[in-house]
């Protein structure tokens, strides 16, 4: 008669712990115990770089201004732009928070690092910004110039990602 699962479990539980530990364990090959290291392909590496954090050459006052404009001046139309406004606010708020934490810890904070989606959202918002006066014009222009470098790099990465995807697709078709 075959033992049921519950009686097998009870039998193991009834044994002294030393008997259970001394029972023969099935041999496991070394490759099964090691966690496989995931190798990123080119598309994944480019995508990770594209969606990651980018340094922005602006001072703290400009970063705070962007964050504050999300609460007051940046306008949006519809849910997609509302989502972009929220991304801008959250990204710049997080950058300010990291900066303030570094200062409190006595660490030189360095340039502001902001996630790609927040930079893109900011670029959208400042392109629609309606302002007046020389000070506002200078600030918007300074921010636009600072955003131009990372946004251009993101566009280049988008092109490289598309080329890598098409090459991967061609490689997988030729392999078949």
N, C-alpha and C. Protein backbone atom coordinates (compact mmCIF):
# COMPACT_ATOMS: atom_id res chain seq x y z
N UNK A 1 0.84 -1.16 0.00
CA UNK A 1 0.00 0.00 0.00
C UNK A 1 0.89 1.24 0.00
N UNK A 2 0.52 2.22 -0.81
CA UNK A 2 1.30 3.43 -0.99
C UNK A 2 0.93 4.43 0.10
N UNK A 3 1.96 5.10 0.66
CA UNK A 3 1.71 6.11 1.69
C UNK A 3 1.16 7.36 1.02
N UNK A 4 0.24 8.00 1.70
CA UNK A 4 -0.27 9.27 1.18
C UNK A 4 0.72 10.37 1.51
N UNK A 5 0.58 11.51 0.88
CA UNK A 5 1.48 12.64 1.11
C UNK A 5 1.44 13.08 2.57
N UNK A 6 0.26 13.12 3.16
CA UNK A 6 0.17 13.59 4.54
C UNK A 6 0.86 12.63 5.50
N UNK A 7 0.77 11.32 5.26
CA UNK A 7 1.45 10.37 6.15
C UNK A 7 2.96 10.41 5.93
N UNK A 8 3.42 10.68 4.69
CA UNK A 8 4.85 10.82 4.45
C UNK A 8 5.38 12.04 5.19
N UNK A 9 4.65 13.13 5.13
CA UNK A 9 5.06 14.35 5.83
C UNK A 9 5.09 14.12 7.32
N UNK A 10 4.06 13.46 7.84
CA UNK A 10 4.02 13.17 9.27
C UNK A 10 5.18 12.28 9.68
N UNK A 11 5.55 11.32 8.83
CA UNK A 11 6.66 10.42 9.14
C UNK A 11 7.96 11.22 9.24
N UNK A 12 8.16 12.18 8.33
CA UNK A 12 9.36 13.00 8.37
C UNK A 12 9.35 13.89 9.60
N UNK A 13 8.19 14.43 9.92
CA UNK A 13 8.09 15.30 11.09
C UNK A 13 8.32 14.55 12.39
N UNK A 14 7.98 13.28 12.41
CA UNK A 14 8.16 12.47 13.61
C UNK A 14 9.61 12.06 13.83
N UNK A 15 10.44 12.08 12.78
CA UNK A 15 11.84 11.68 12.91
C UNK A 15 12.62 12.77 13.64
N UNK A 16 13.65 12.36 14.37
CA UNK A 16 14.53 13.37 14.95
C UNK A 16 15.21 14.16 13.84
N UNK A 17 15.50 15.43 14.11
CA UNK A 17 16.07 16.31 13.09
C UNK A 17 17.38 15.78 12.53
N UNK A 18 18.18 15.13 13.34
CA UNK A 18 19.46 14.60 12.84
C UNK A 18 19.24 13.51 11.80
N UNK A 19 18.19 12.68 11.97
CA UNK A 19 17.90 11.64 10.98
C UNK A 19 17.49 12.26 9.65
N UNK A 20 16.71 13.33 9.69
CA UNK A 20 16.25 13.98 8.47
C UNK A 20 17.43 14.60 7.74
N UNK A 21 18.33 15.24 8.47
CA UNK A 21 19.48 15.87 7.84
C UNK A 21 20.45 14.87 7.26
N UNK A 22 20.54 13.70 7.85
CA UNK A 22 21.48 12.69 7.38
C UNK A 22 20.96 11.92 6.18
N UNK A 23 19.67 12.06 5.87
CA UNK A 23 19.13 11.34 4.71
C UNK A 23 19.84 11.82 3.45
N UNK A 24 19.95 10.90 2.53
CA UNK A 24 20.66 11.21 1.31
C UNK A 24 19.91 12.26 0.50
N UNK A 25 20.62 13.31 0.14
CA UNK A 25 20.05 14.38 -0.69
C UNK A 25 20.41 14.10 -2.15
N UNK A 26 19.50 14.39 -3.06
CA UNK A 26 19.83 14.18 -4.46
C UNK A 26 20.97 15.09 -4.89
N UNK A 27 21.83 14.56 -5.74
CA UNK A 27 22.97 15.34 -6.22
C UNK A 27 22.46 16.44 -7.16
N UNK A 28 23.00 17.61 -6.96
CA UNK A 28 22.62 18.76 -7.79
C UNK A 28 23.87 19.23 -8.50
N UNK A 29 23.76 19.39 -9.79
CA UNK A 29 24.91 19.86 -10.55
C UNK A 29 25.19 21.31 -10.19
N UNK A 30 26.43 21.70 -10.32
CA UNK A 30 26.84 23.05 -9.97
C UNK A 30 26.08 24.10 -10.77
N UNK A 31 25.80 23.81 -12.01
CA UNK A 31 25.11 24.79 -12.86
C UNK A 31 23.70 25.07 -12.36
N UNK A 32 23.10 24.10 -11.66
CA UNK A 32 21.74 24.30 -11.15
C UNK A 32 21.74 25.16 -9.89
N UNK A 33 22.82 25.13 -9.14
CA UNK A 33 22.85 25.89 -7.89
C UNK A 33 23.25 27.34 -8.11
N UNK A 34 24.00 27.61 -9.12
CA UNK A 34 24.41 28.98 -9.39
C UNK A 34 23.26 29.72 -10.06
N UNK A 35 23.06 30.96 -9.64
CA UNK A 35 22.03 31.75 -10.30
C UNK A 35 22.59 32.23 -11.62
N UNK A 36 21.86 32.00 -12.67
CA UNK A 36 22.39 32.41 -13.97
C UNK A 36 22.47 33.93 -14.06
N UNK A 37 23.57 34.41 -14.61
CA UNK A 37 23.73 35.84 -14.80
C UNK A 37 23.09 36.19 -16.13
N UNK A 38 22.16 37.12 -16.05
CA UNK A 38 21.46 37.51 -17.27
C UNK A 38 22.38 38.40 -18.09
N UNK A 39 22.56 38.01 -19.30
CA UNK A 39 23.36 38.82 -20.20
C UNK A 39 22.40 39.70 -20.99
N UNK A 40 22.63 40.98 -20.91
CA UNK A 40 21.79 41.90 -21.64
C UNK A 40 22.22 41.94 -23.10
N UNK A 41 21.25 41.93 -23.96
CA UNK A 41 21.60 42.10 -25.36
C UNK A 41 21.69 43.60 -25.65
N UNK A 42 22.09 43.94 -26.82
CA UNK A 42 22.32 45.34 -27.18
C UNK A 42 21.06 46.17 -27.03
N UNK A 43 19.93 45.65 -27.45
CA UNK A 43 18.67 46.40 -27.36
C UNK A 43 18.34 46.70 -25.90
N UNK A 44 18.50 45.72 -25.02
CA UNK A 44 18.21 45.94 -23.60
C UNK A 44 19.15 46.96 -23.00
N UNK A 45 20.43 46.87 -23.35
CA UNK A 45 21.40 47.83 -22.82
C UNK A 45 21.07 49.25 -23.27
N UNK A 46 20.76 49.41 -24.55
CA UNK A 46 20.42 50.73 -25.07
C UNK A 46 19.13 51.25 -24.44
N UNK A 47 18.17 50.37 -24.28
CA UNK A 47 16.89 50.77 -23.68
C UNK A 47 17.08 51.18 -22.23
N UNK A 48 17.87 50.43 -21.49
CA UNK A 48 18.14 50.79 -20.09
C UNK A 48 18.82 52.15 -20.00
N UNK A 49 19.76 52.40 -20.88
CA UNK A 49 20.43 53.70 -20.90
C UNK A 49 19.43 54.80 -21.27
N UNK A 50 18.61 54.52 -22.24
CA UNK A 50 17.64 55.51 -22.74
C UNK A 50 16.63 55.91 -21.67
N UNK A 51 16.16 54.96 -20.89
CA UNK A 51 15.11 55.23 -19.91
C UNK A 51 15.66 55.53 -18.52
N UNK A 52 16.96 55.54 -18.39
CA UNK A 52 17.59 55.75 -17.09
C UNK A 52 17.68 57.21 -16.68
N UNK A 53 18.66 57.50 -15.84
CA UNK A 53 18.85 58.84 -15.31
C UNK A 53 19.87 59.59 -16.16
N UNK A 54 19.62 60.88 -16.30
CA UNK A 54 20.47 61.77 -17.09
C UNK A 54 20.87 62.96 -16.24
N UNK A 55 22.11 63.37 -16.39
CA UNK A 55 22.58 64.55 -15.66
C UNK A 55 22.09 65.79 -16.38
N UNK A 56 21.66 66.75 -15.58
CA UNK A 56 21.14 67.99 -16.13
C UNK A 56 21.94 69.15 -15.56
N UNK A 57 22.54 69.94 -16.44
CA UNK A 57 23.42 71.04 -16.03
C UNK A 57 22.60 72.29 -15.70
N UNK A 58 21.85 72.22 -14.62
CA UNK A 58 21.08 73.37 -14.13
C UNK A 58 21.37 73.53 -12.65
N UNK A 59 21.20 74.75 -12.16
CA UNK A 59 21.41 74.95 -10.73
C UNK A 59 20.13 74.65 -9.96
N UNK A 60 20.26 74.62 -8.65
CA UNK A 60 19.15 74.23 -7.79
C UNK A 60 17.94 75.16 -7.97
N UNK A 61 18.19 76.44 -8.18
CA UNK A 61 17.08 77.38 -8.34
C UNK A 61 16.23 77.03 -9.57
N UNK A 62 16.87 76.63 -10.66
CA UNK A 62 16.13 76.26 -11.86
C UNK A 62 15.34 74.96 -11.67
N UNK A 63 15.95 74.00 -10.97
CA UNK A 63 15.27 72.74 -10.69
C UNK A 63 14.03 73.00 -9.84
N UNK A 64 14.18 73.84 -8.81
CA UNK A 64 13.04 74.20 -7.96
C UNK A 64 11.98 74.95 -8.77
N UNK A 65 12.42 75.81 -9.66
CA UNK A 65 11.47 76.57 -10.48
C UNK A 65 10.62 75.62 -11.32
N UNK A 66 11.27 74.64 -11.94
CA UNK A 66 10.52 73.66 -12.75
C UNK A 66 9.50 72.94 -11.89
N UNK A 67 9.94 72.46 -10.73
CA UNK A 67 9.03 71.75 -9.82
C UNK A 67 7.85 72.64 -9.44
N UNK A 68 8.14 73.89 -9.09
CA UNK A 68 7.08 74.80 -8.67
C UNK A 68 6.13 75.15 -9.82
N UNK A 69 6.65 75.21 -11.03
CA UNK A 69 5.78 75.53 -12.18
C UNK A 69 4.80 74.39 -12.45
N UNK A 70 5.18 73.18 -12.09
CA UNK A 70 4.26 72.05 -12.23
C UNK A 70 3.02 72.26 -11.35
N UNK A 71 3.20 72.95 -10.24
CA UNK A 71 2.08 73.21 -9.33
C UNK A 71 1.27 74.44 -9.70
N UNK A 72 1.80 75.27 -10.60
CA UNK A 72 1.10 76.53 -10.82
C UNK A 72 0.93 76.93 -12.28
N UNK A 73 1.98 76.94 -13.06
CA UNK A 73 1.94 77.55 -14.38
C UNK A 73 1.86 76.60 -15.57
N UNK A 74 2.48 75.43 -15.46
CA UNK A 74 2.45 74.53 -16.60
C UNK A 74 1.02 74.07 -16.83
N UNK A 75 0.56 74.25 -18.06
CA UNK A 75 -0.81 73.84 -18.37
C UNK A 75 -0.79 72.50 -19.11
N UNK A 76 -1.92 71.84 -19.10
CA UNK A 76 -2.03 70.57 -19.81
C UNK A 76 -3.43 70.45 -20.38
N UNK A 77 -3.53 69.60 -21.39
CA UNK A 77 -4.82 69.30 -22.01
C UNK A 77 -4.95 67.79 -22.05
N UNK A 78 -5.93 67.26 -21.37
CA UNK A 78 -6.21 65.84 -21.42
C UNK A 78 -5.34 65.00 -20.51
N UNK A 79 -5.69 63.72 -20.42
CA UNK A 79 -4.99 62.82 -19.49
C UNK A 79 -3.55 62.52 -19.85
N UNK A 80 -3.21 62.49 -21.13
CA UNK A 80 -1.82 62.20 -21.51
C UNK A 80 -0.88 63.31 -21.03
N UNK A 81 -1.29 64.55 -21.25
CA UNK A 81 -0.46 65.66 -20.80
C UNK A 81 -0.49 65.79 -19.27
N UNK A 82 -1.61 65.42 -18.66
CA UNK A 82 -1.67 65.41 -17.19
C UNK A 82 -0.65 64.42 -16.65
N UNK A 83 -0.55 63.26 -17.28
CA UNK A 83 0.43 62.25 -16.88
C UNK A 83 1.84 62.79 -17.05
N UNK A 84 2.09 63.50 -18.15
CA UNK A 84 3.42 64.08 -18.38
C UNK A 84 3.74 65.11 -17.29
N UNK A 85 2.76 65.93 -16.93
CA UNK A 85 2.96 66.93 -15.88
C UNK A 85 3.31 66.26 -14.56
N UNK A 86 2.61 65.19 -14.23
CA UNK A 86 2.90 64.45 -13.00
C UNK A 86 4.31 63.86 -13.03
N UNK A 87 4.72 63.31 -14.18
CA UNK A 87 6.08 62.75 -14.32
C UNK A 87 7.13 63.84 -14.13
N UNK A 88 6.86 65.00 -14.69
CA UNK A 88 7.80 66.12 -14.55
C UNK A 88 7.92 66.49 -13.08
N UNK A 89 6.81 66.66 -12.42
CA UNK A 89 6.81 67.04 -11.01
C UNK A 89 7.54 65.99 -10.16
N UNK A 90 7.18 64.73 -10.33
CA UNK A 90 7.78 63.67 -9.51
C UNK A 90 9.28 63.53 -9.77
N UNK A 91 9.69 63.62 -11.03
CA UNK A 91 11.10 63.49 -11.37
C UNK A 91 11.95 64.60 -10.79
N UNK A 92 11.47 65.84 -10.88
CA UNK A 92 12.24 66.96 -10.37
C UNK A 92 12.18 67.03 -8.84
N UNK A 93 11.07 66.61 -8.25
CA UNK A 93 10.97 66.55 -6.80
C UNK A 93 11.95 65.51 -6.26
N UNK A 94 12.02 64.36 -6.90
CA UNK A 94 12.96 63.31 -6.47
C UNK A 94 14.41 63.78 -6.60
N UNK A 95 14.72 64.48 -7.68
CA UNK A 95 16.08 64.99 -7.87
C UNK A 95 16.44 65.98 -6.76
N UNK A 96 15.50 66.86 -6.44
CA UNK A 96 15.75 67.81 -5.35
C UNK A 96 15.92 67.10 -4.01
N UNK A 97 15.13 66.08 -3.78
CA UNK A 97 15.22 65.32 -2.53
C UNK A 97 16.58 64.64 -2.42
N UNK A 98 17.04 64.00 -3.50
CA UNK A 98 18.36 63.35 -3.47
C UNK A 98 19.47 64.38 -3.22
N UNK A 99 19.32 65.54 -3.84
CA UNK A 99 20.29 66.62 -3.67
C UNK A 99 20.34 67.08 -2.21
N UNK A 100 19.16 67.31 -1.63
CA UNK A 100 19.08 67.77 -0.24
C UNK A 100 19.63 66.72 0.73
N UNK A 101 19.37 65.44 0.47
CA UNK A 101 19.90 64.37 1.32
C UNK A 101 21.41 64.33 1.27
N UNK A 102 21.97 64.53 0.07
CA UNK A 102 23.43 64.54 -0.06
C UNK A 102 24.03 65.71 0.71
N UNK A 103 23.41 66.87 0.61
CA UNK A 103 23.91 68.05 1.33
C UNK A 103 23.85 67.81 2.84
N UNK A 104 22.74 67.25 3.33
CA UNK A 104 22.60 66.96 4.77
C UNK A 104 23.64 65.96 5.25
N UNK A 105 24.00 65.01 4.37
CA UNK A 105 24.98 63.99 4.73
C UNK A 105 26.41 64.50 4.58
N UNK A 106 26.57 65.74 4.14
CA UNK A 106 27.90 66.30 3.98
C UNK A 106 28.61 65.83 2.72
N UNK A 107 27.85 65.32 1.77
CA UNK A 107 28.40 64.83 0.50
C UNK A 107 28.19 65.89 -0.57
N UNK A 108 29.20 66.09 -1.39
CA UNK A 108 29.06 67.01 -2.51
C UNK A 108 28.02 66.43 -3.47
N UNK A 109 26.88 67.10 -3.68
CA UNK A 109 25.79 66.48 -4.44
C UNK A 109 26.05 66.29 -5.93
N UNK A 110 26.87 67.07 -6.55
CA UNK A 110 27.13 66.92 -7.97
C UNK A 110 25.95 67.38 -8.79
N UNK A 111 25.99 67.11 -10.09
CA UNK A 111 24.88 67.57 -10.96
C UNK A 111 23.60 66.80 -10.66
N UNK A 112 22.50 67.43 -11.00
CA UNK A 112 21.20 66.79 -10.79
C UNK A 112 21.01 65.66 -11.78
N UNK A 113 20.56 64.50 -11.28
CA UNK A 113 20.25 63.34 -12.12
C UNK A 113 18.73 63.19 -12.16
N UNK A 114 18.20 63.18 -13.36
CA UNK A 114 16.76 63.14 -13.52
C UNK A 114 16.42 62.05 -14.53
N UNK A 115 15.36 61.31 -14.23
CA UNK A 115 14.96 60.21 -15.10
C UNK A 115 14.47 60.74 -16.45
N UNK A 116 14.70 59.95 -17.48
CA UNK A 116 14.40 60.33 -18.85
C UNK A 116 12.97 60.81 -19.03
N UNK A 117 12.02 60.10 -18.45
CA UNK A 117 10.62 60.48 -18.65
C UNK A 117 10.32 61.86 -18.08
N UNK A 118 10.97 62.23 -16.97
CA UNK A 118 10.76 63.56 -16.39
C UNK A 118 11.38 64.63 -17.28
N UNK A 119 12.53 64.33 -17.88
CA UNK A 119 13.16 65.30 -18.79
C UNK A 119 12.29 65.53 -20.02
N UNK A 120 11.76 64.44 -20.57
CA UNK A 120 10.89 64.58 -21.74
C UNK A 120 9.63 65.35 -21.40
N UNK A 121 9.08 65.07 -20.24
CA UNK A 121 7.88 65.78 -19.80
C UNK A 121 8.17 67.26 -19.61
N UNK A 122 9.31 67.56 -19.02
CA UNK A 122 9.69 68.96 -18.82
C UNK A 122 9.84 69.67 -20.16
N UNK A 123 10.46 69.01 -21.11
CA UNK A 123 10.62 69.61 -22.44
C UNK A 123 9.26 69.92 -23.06
N UNK A 124 8.32 69.02 -22.91
CA UNK A 124 6.97 69.26 -23.41
C UNK A 124 6.34 70.46 -22.71
N UNK A 125 6.47 70.51 -21.40
CA UNK A 125 5.84 71.58 -20.62
C UNK A 125 6.44 72.95 -20.93
N UNK A 126 7.76 73.03 -21.03
CA UNK A 126 8.34 74.36 -21.29
C UNK A 126 8.10 74.82 -22.72
N UNK A 127 7.91 73.88 -23.64
CA UNK A 127 7.58 74.28 -25.01
C UNK A 127 6.19 74.89 -25.11
N UNK A 128 5.35 74.62 -24.12
CA UNK A 128 3.99 75.17 -24.09
C UNK A 128 3.85 76.31 -23.10
N UNK A 129 4.94 76.64 -22.40
CA UNK A 129 4.89 77.65 -21.35
C UNK A 129 4.59 79.03 -21.92
N UNK A 130 3.64 79.72 -21.30
CA UNK A 130 3.33 81.09 -21.66
C UNK A 130 3.80 81.99 -20.54
N UNK A 131 4.72 82.86 -20.84
CA UNK A 131 5.26 83.74 -19.83
C UNK A 131 5.45 85.13 -20.37
N UNK A 132 5.97 85.99 -19.53
CA UNK A 132 6.28 87.35 -19.97
C UNK A 132 7.47 87.84 -19.16
N UNK A 133 8.17 88.78 -19.71
CA UNK A 133 9.29 89.39 -19.02
C UNK A 133 10.61 88.73 -19.35
N UNK A 134 11.65 89.52 -19.21
CA UNK A 134 12.99 89.07 -19.56
C UNK A 134 13.47 87.95 -18.63
N UNK A 135 13.21 88.06 -17.34
CA UNK A 135 13.68 87.03 -16.41
C UNK A 135 13.08 85.67 -16.75
N UNK A 136 11.79 85.64 -17.01
CA UNK A 136 11.10 84.40 -17.37
C UNK A 136 11.64 83.85 -18.69
N UNK A 137 11.86 84.74 -19.65
CA UNK A 137 12.38 84.32 -20.95
C UNK A 137 13.78 83.71 -20.81
N UNK A 138 14.62 84.35 -20.01
CA UNK A 138 15.98 83.83 -19.82
C UNK A 138 15.96 82.47 -19.14
N UNK A 139 15.09 82.31 -18.15
CA UNK A 139 15.02 81.03 -17.44
C UNK A 139 14.55 79.93 -18.38
N UNK A 140 13.48 80.18 -19.13
CA UNK A 140 12.97 79.17 -20.05
C UNK A 140 14.03 78.81 -21.08
N UNK A 141 14.74 79.80 -21.60
CA UNK A 141 15.77 79.54 -22.59
C UNK A 141 16.91 78.73 -21.97
N UNK A 142 17.33 79.06 -20.76
CA UNK A 142 18.41 78.35 -20.06
C UNK A 142 18.02 76.88 -19.83
N UNK A 143 16.79 76.67 -19.42
CA UNK A 143 16.31 75.31 -19.19
C UNK A 143 16.25 74.53 -20.51
N UNK A 144 15.75 75.18 -21.55
CA UNK A 144 15.65 74.52 -22.86
C UNK A 144 17.02 74.11 -23.38
N UNK A 145 18.01 74.97 -23.21
CA UNK A 145 19.37 74.65 -23.64
C UNK A 145 19.92 73.47 -22.84
N UNK A 146 19.67 73.47 -21.53
CA UNK A 146 20.15 72.36 -20.69
C UNK A 146 19.47 71.05 -21.05
N UNK A 147 18.20 71.10 -21.40
CA UNK A 147 17.47 69.89 -21.78
C UNK A 147 17.86 69.38 -23.17
N UNK A 148 18.33 70.28 -24.01
CA UNK A 148 18.62 69.93 -25.40
C UNK A 148 19.64 68.78 -25.52
N UNK A 149 20.70 68.80 -24.72
CA UNK A 149 21.72 67.75 -24.80
C UNK A 149 21.16 66.37 -24.49
N UNK A 150 20.57 66.19 -23.31
CA UNK A 150 20.01 64.87 -22.99
C UNK A 150 18.90 64.42 -23.95
N UNK A 151 18.04 65.34 -24.36
CA UNK A 151 16.95 64.98 -25.27
C UNK A 151 17.53 64.53 -26.62
N UNK A 152 18.56 65.23 -27.10
CA UNK A 152 19.21 64.83 -28.36
C UNK A 152 19.83 63.44 -28.24
N UNK A 153 20.49 63.19 -27.11
CA UNK A 153 21.09 61.87 -26.88
C UNK A 153 20.01 60.78 -26.84
N UNK A 154 18.88 61.09 -26.23
CA UNK A 154 17.79 60.11 -26.18
C UNK A 154 17.28 59.79 -27.59
N UNK A 155 17.18 60.82 -28.42
CA UNK A 155 16.73 60.59 -29.81
C UNK A 155 17.73 59.73 -30.57
N UNK A 156 19.03 59.97 -30.34
CA UNK A 156 20.05 59.13 -30.98
C UNK A 156 19.94 57.69 -30.49
N UNK A 157 19.72 57.53 -29.19
CA UNK A 157 19.56 56.18 -28.65
C UNK A 157 18.32 55.50 -29.23
N UNK A 158 17.24 56.26 -29.42
CA UNK A 158 16.05 55.69 -30.04
C UNK A 158 16.38 55.14 -31.44
N UNK A 159 17.17 55.89 -32.20
CA UNK A 159 17.58 55.42 -33.52
C UNK A 159 18.43 54.16 -33.43
N UNK A 160 19.38 54.14 -32.50
CA UNK A 160 20.24 52.97 -32.31
C UNK A 160 19.42 51.75 -31.87
N UNK A 161 18.43 51.97 -31.02
CA UNK A 161 17.57 50.88 -30.57
C UNK A 161 16.81 50.30 -31.74
N UNK A 162 16.27 51.15 -32.58
CA UNK A 162 15.53 50.67 -33.76
C UNK A 162 16.44 49.89 -34.71
N UNK A 163 17.67 50.39 -34.91
CA UNK A 163 18.61 49.67 -35.78
C UNK A 163 18.97 48.32 -35.17
N UNK A 164 19.21 48.29 -33.86
CA UNK A 164 19.57 47.04 -33.19
C UNK A 164 18.40 46.05 -33.24
N UNK A 165 17.19 46.55 -33.09
CA UNK A 165 16.01 45.67 -33.19
C UNK A 165 15.89 45.08 -34.59
N UNK A 166 16.10 45.90 -35.59
CA UNK A 166 15.99 45.38 -36.96
C UNK A 166 17.11 44.40 -37.26
N UNK A 167 18.31 44.63 -36.73
CA UNK A 167 19.41 43.68 -36.91
C UNK A 167 19.13 42.38 -36.18
N UNK A 168 18.58 42.46 -34.99
CA UNK A 168 18.22 41.24 -34.24
C UNK A 168 17.16 40.46 -35.00
N UNK A 169 16.20 41.19 -35.54
CA UNK A 169 15.14 40.52 -36.30
C UNK A 169 15.71 39.83 -37.53
N UNK A 170 16.66 40.49 -38.20
CA UNK A 170 17.28 39.89 -39.38
C UNK A 170 18.13 38.69 -38.99
N UNK A 171 18.82 38.78 -37.85
CA UNK A 171 19.64 37.67 -37.37
C UNK A 171 18.78 36.46 -37.02
N UNK A 172 17.64 36.71 -36.37
CA UNK A 172 16.80 35.58 -35.96
C UNK A 172 16.13 34.94 -37.17
N UNK A 173 15.84 35.71 -38.20
CA UNK A 173 15.24 35.14 -39.42
C UNK A 173 16.27 34.32 -40.16
N UNK A 174 17.52 34.81 -40.25
CA UNK A 174 18.55 34.07 -40.98
C UNK A 174 18.99 32.81 -40.23
N UNK A 175 18.84 32.83 -38.91
CA UNK A 175 19.21 31.65 -38.11
C UNK A 175 18.22 30.51 -38.30
N UNK A 176 17.01 30.86 -38.67
CA UNK A 176 15.98 29.82 -38.85
C UNK A 176 16.16 29.19 -40.15
